[in-house]
Protein backbone atom coordinates (compact mmCIF):
# COMPACT_ATOMS: atom_id res chain seq x y z
CA MET A 1 37.99 8.43 57.64
CA ASN A 2 34.52 9.79 57.00
CA SER A 3 35.94 12.20 54.43
CA GLY A 4 37.50 9.32 52.49
CA ALA A 5 34.26 7.33 52.53
CA THR A 6 32.32 10.36 51.33
CA GLU A 7 34.74 10.96 48.48
CA ALA A 8 34.51 7.29 47.46
CA ALA A 9 30.72 7.43 47.50
CA GLU A 10 30.73 10.62 45.42
CA ALA A 11 33.15 9.06 42.94
CA LEU A 12 30.96 5.97 42.65
CA GLU A 13 27.86 8.10 42.12
CA LEU A 14 29.66 10.16 39.47
CA GLU A 15 30.76 6.98 37.73
CA ARG A 16 27.17 5.72 37.64
CA LEU A 17 25.97 9.05 36.28
CA LEU A 18 28.59 9.04 33.54
CA ALA A 19 27.67 5.46 32.66
CA ILE A 20 24.09 6.59 32.12
CA ILE A 21 24.95 9.72 30.14
CA ILE A 22 27.93 8.51 28.12
CA LEU A 23 27.49 5.40 26.00
CA PRO A 24 30.39 3.03 25.56
CA ALA A 25 32.11 3.36 22.20
CA ASP A 26 30.92 -0.01 20.89
CA GLN A 27 27.28 0.72 21.78
CA LEU A 28 27.47 4.15 20.17
CA VAL A 29 28.89 2.68 16.96
CA ASN A 30 26.20 -0.02 16.90
CA PHE A 31 23.51 2.60 17.43
CA LEU A 32 24.72 4.88 14.65
CA LEU A 33 25.20 2.04 12.18
CA SER A 34 21.79 0.62 13.04
CA MET A 35 20.05 3.95 12.49
CA LEU A 36 21.80 4.50 9.16
CA LEU A 37 20.98 0.97 8.02
CA ALA A 38 17.35 1.33 9.10
CA VAL A 39 17.01 4.58 7.14
CA ALA A 40 18.57 2.98 4.04
CA LEU A 41 16.30 -0.06 4.21
CA GLY A 42 13.28 2.16 4.87
CA LEU A 43 14.12 4.17 1.75
CA LEU A 44 14.40 0.94 -0.24
CA ILE A 45 10.99 -0.21 1.00
CA ALA A 46 9.45 3.15 0.04
CA VAL A 47 11.01 2.99 -3.44
CA VAL A 48 9.68 -0.54 -3.97
CA TYR A 49 6.22 0.63 -2.91
CA ARG A 50 6.30 3.58 -5.32
CA LEU A 51 7.55 1.51 -8.27
CA THR A 52 5.08 -1.35 -7.78
CA HIS A 53 1.99 0.71 -6.94
CA ARG A 54 -0.84 -0.02 -9.41
CA GLY A 55 -3.48 2.39 -8.19
CA MET A 56 -4.45 5.70 -9.73
CA ASN A 57 -2.48 7.61 -7.10
CA TYR A 58 -0.73 7.21 -3.77
CA GLU A 59 -0.18 9.51 -0.83
CA SER A 60 3.29 11.01 -0.70
CA GLY A 61 3.07 11.05 3.10
CA PHE A 62 2.83 7.27 3.11
CA LEU A 63 6.30 7.06 1.53
CA SER A 64 7.68 9.16 4.37
CA THR A 65 5.93 6.86 6.84
CA LEU A 66 7.56 3.78 5.34
CA THR A 67 10.96 5.46 5.38
CA LEU A 68 10.80 6.72 8.97
CA LEU A 69 9.01 3.77 10.56
CA ALA A 70 12.04 1.45 10.37
CA PRO A 71 14.50 3.80 12.17
CA ILE A 72 11.86 4.73 14.76
CA VAL A 73 11.27 1.06 15.62
CA THR A 74 15.05 0.59 15.72
CA LEU A 75 15.32 3.46 18.21
CA VAL A 76 12.60 1.90 20.38
CA MET A 77 14.41 -1.43 20.36
CA PHE A 78 17.60 0.26 21.59
CA PHE A 79 15.63 1.92 24.38
CA ILE A 80 14.15 -1.31 25.72
CA GLN A 81 17.10 -3.58 24.99
CA GLY A 82 17.64 -5.71 28.07
CA ASP A 83 15.31 -3.59 30.22
CA LEU A 84 12.19 -5.47 31.33
CA VAL A 85 10.61 -2.42 32.96
CA LEU A 86 10.88 -0.30 29.80
CA SER A 87 9.55 -3.10 27.61
CA LEU A 88 6.51 -3.58 29.86
CA GLY A 89 5.96 0.17 29.93
CA LEU A 90 6.07 0.30 26.14
CA VAL A 91 3.49 -2.47 25.84
CA GLY A 92 1.25 -0.67 28.32
CA SER A 93 1.52 2.66 26.51
CA LEU A 94 0.77 1.09 23.12
CA SER A 95 -2.29 -0.66 24.55
CA ILE A 96 -3.99 2.69 25.27
CA ILE A 97 -3.17 4.26 21.89
CA ARG A 98 -5.90 4.14 19.26
CA PHE A 99 -4.78 4.62 15.68
CA ARG A 100 -7.67 6.20 13.76
CA THR A 101 -6.09 6.36 10.30
CA PRO A 102 -7.90 3.89 8.00
CA ILE A 103 -5.86 1.70 5.68
CA LYS A 104 -7.85 1.34 2.47
CA ASP A 105 -5.55 -1.09 0.68
CA THR A 106 -4.39 -4.31 2.36
CA ARG A 107 -1.18 -4.00 0.35
CA ASP A 108 -0.33 -0.84 2.32
CA MET A 109 -0.63 -2.86 5.53
CA VAL A 110 1.87 -5.39 4.16
CA PHE A 111 4.42 -2.63 3.55
CA LEU A 112 3.82 -1.21 7.04
CA PHE A 113 4.52 -4.58 8.64
CA TRP A 114 7.55 -4.96 6.39
CA SER A 115 9.00 -1.65 7.62
CA ILE A 116 8.22 -2.54 11.25
CA ALA A 117 9.85 -5.97 10.91
CA THR A 118 12.92 -4.34 9.37
CA GLY A 119 13.19 -1.94 12.29
CA LEU A 120 12.87 -4.82 14.76
CA GLY A 121 15.59 -6.78 12.98
CA VAL A 122 18.02 -3.87 12.77
CA GLY A 123 17.27 -2.80 16.35
CA THR A 124 18.24 -6.25 17.63
CA LEU A 125 21.50 -6.08 15.59
CA ASN A 126 20.37 -8.75 13.13
CA TRP A 127 21.78 -6.71 10.28
CA THR A 128 22.51 -9.54 7.86
CA VAL A 129 19.05 -11.05 8.20
CA SER A 130 17.39 -7.64 7.82
CA VAL A 131 19.32 -6.77 4.66
CA PHE A 132 18.84 -10.21 3.12
CA ALA A 133 15.11 -10.27 3.91
CA THR A 134 14.59 -6.76 2.49
CA VAL A 135 16.41 -7.61 -0.74
CA VAL A 136 14.51 -10.89 -1.18
CA LEU A 137 11.14 -9.25 -0.52
CA SER A 138 11.99 -6.41 -2.92
CA LEU A 139 12.80 -8.90 -5.68
CA PHE A 140 9.63 -10.83 -4.92
CA MET A 141 7.52 -7.66 -5.11
CA GLY A 142 9.17 -6.75 -8.41
CA ILE A 143 8.47 -10.19 -9.88
CA MET A 144 4.80 -10.01 -8.86
CA PHE A 145 4.55 -6.55 -10.42
CA VAL A 146 6.14 -7.60 -13.72
CA PHE A 147 3.95 -10.69 -14.09
CA LYS A 148 0.86 -8.77 -12.87
CA TYR A 149 0.21 -11.30 -10.14
CA GLY A 150 -3.30 -11.08 -8.73
CA ARG A 151 -4.71 -9.07 -11.63
CA PRO A 152 -8.15 -10.34 -12.72
CA LEU A 153 -8.17 -12.38 -15.91
CA HIS A 154 -11.37 -10.70 -17.07
CA ALA A 155 -12.23 -7.04 -17.56
CA GLU A 156 -15.56 -5.62 -16.47
CA TYR A 157 -17.28 -2.53 -17.83
CA ILE A 158 -20.53 -0.64 -17.42
CA LEU A 159 -21.95 0.53 -20.76
CA ILE A 160 -24.60 3.27 -20.81
CA VAL A 161 -26.28 4.12 -24.10
CA SER A 162 -28.93 6.83 -24.39
CA GLY A 163 -30.88 8.26 -27.30
CA SER A 164 -34.08 9.93 -28.43
CA ASP A 165 -35.46 7.51 -31.04
CA GLY A 166 -37.56 4.80 -29.45
CA ASP A 167 -37.11 2.44 -32.39
CA ARG A 168 -33.31 2.27 -32.10
CA ASP A 169 -32.89 0.34 -28.85
CA ALA A 170 -33.25 -2.95 -30.74
CA GLU A 171 -30.39 -1.99 -33.04
CA VAL A 172 -28.29 -1.08 -30.02
CA GLU A 173 -29.04 -4.51 -28.57
CA ARG A 174 -27.85 -6.11 -31.80
CA VAL A 175 -24.54 -4.21 -31.79
CA VAL A 176 -23.84 -4.99 -28.13
CA SER A 177 -24.74 -8.67 -28.37
CA GLY A 178 -22.54 -9.21 -31.42
CA ARG A 179 -19.30 -8.94 -29.43
CA ARG A 180 -17.16 -11.55 -27.67
CA ALA A 181 -18.36 -10.54 -24.23
CA ASN A 182 -20.77 -11.70 -21.59
CA VAL A 183 -23.50 -9.04 -21.79
CA GLN A 184 -26.17 -8.48 -19.14
CA LEU A 185 -28.86 -5.83 -19.43
CA ARG A 186 -29.12 -4.13 -16.03
CA ASN A 187 -31.47 -1.24 -16.70
CA HIS A 188 -33.84 -0.10 -19.46
CA GLU A 189 -35.33 3.33 -18.81
CA ILE A 190 -37.81 5.18 -21.04
CA ASP A 191 -38.84 8.81 -20.52
CA GLY A 192 -41.12 10.04 -23.27
CA ASN A 193 -39.23 9.65 -26.51
CA ARG A 194 -35.91 9.28 -24.70
CA TRP A 195 -34.47 5.95 -23.59
CA GLU A 196 -31.40 4.72 -21.75
CA LEU A 197 -29.87 1.24 -21.67
CA THR A 198 -27.36 0.09 -19.06
CA TYR A 199 -25.30 -3.04 -19.71
CA GLU A 200 -22.75 -4.94 -17.68
CA LEU A 201 -19.94 -6.35 -19.85
CA ARG A 202 -17.45 -9.03 -18.87
CA LEU A 203 -14.80 -10.26 -21.28
CA ALA A 204 -11.26 -11.60 -21.41
CA ARG A 205 -8.55 -8.94 -21.37
CA ALA A 206 -7.31 -10.18 -24.74
CA TYR A 207 -10.57 -8.92 -26.29
CA GLU A 208 -10.64 -5.45 -24.72
CA GLN A 209 -10.25 -3.89 -28.17
CA ASP A 210 -13.72 -5.24 -29.00
CA VAL A 211 -15.19 -2.90 -26.40
CA ARG A 212 -13.62 0.15 -28.06
CA ASP A 213 -14.84 -0.99 -31.46
CA MET A 214 -18.31 -1.50 -30.01
CA VAL A 215 -18.38 2.07 -28.68
CA THR A 216 -17.41 3.33 -32.14
CA ASP A 217 -20.20 1.30 -33.76
CA LEU A 218 -22.77 2.52 -31.24
CA LYS A 219 -21.93 6.15 -31.99
CA ARG A 220 -22.80 5.49 -35.64
CA VAL A 221 -26.29 4.23 -34.81
CA ALA A 222 -28.91 6.82 -35.74
CA GLY A 223 -30.78 8.12 -32.73
CA VAL A 224 -27.99 7.44 -30.23
CA SER A 225 -26.99 10.67 -28.52
CA LYS A 226 -24.56 9.49 -25.85
CA VAL A 227 -22.39 6.43 -25.16
CA SER A 228 -20.58 6.08 -21.82
CA LEU A 229 -18.15 3.30 -20.89
CA LEU A 230 -17.27 3.02 -17.21
CA THR A 231 -14.98 0.77 -15.23
CA PRO A 232 -16.31 -0.44 -11.86
CA GLN A 233 -14.21 0.78 -8.95
CA LEU A 234 -13.38 -2.74 -7.78
CA SER A 235 -11.93 -3.55 -11.19
CA LEU A 236 -9.40 -0.74 -11.17
CA PRO A 237 -5.78 -1.98 -10.98
CA MET A 238 -4.44 -1.80 -7.44
């Protein structure tokens, strides 16, 4: 009698252990499909980021982050699915983590949230919504890139002209003021027979060729030794 009860208890314990170790076939299929879909959508998000990036350069590691973030979030969602204890433990562990990596561009933060949201959607088996949302956002990002949405309507430059003839700064002023640009003199420095003028230029992007022509004309002015045209950092395309 006791032997039969012991065998039944051992069989029940073995069944529980197997239920923990071995996933049902439907759950295993859902998990594999979700991970594959999350990786595919993460790759799409990374490609959209690379194609629509306007800055001078981007970090290649950030593309890997966008690709891997979606499947990692999907994995976390499968871990805590239906388990209140695990979900509370995850919230508690995240509350003590401090992420020190600075995000310089707010656009990068948008792509990070996009990848996280995709992982959440796929991890909760909302495959259709995740795919549809990713495609729509990709098209929207492409449209904004093509039409240069958010790009300033005016171009700004810093013009620095230096020379060694003290009588030529008036001629430089005449050349600079004769263009279709809003010109502001920011600095006028004189050191012996050398002088340096610093201007701030603001003009419509349709007239950017005028700036190049102005630089050419300034180089022809007698006494001018150096002409520098700079773009402020905040005006660089992002």
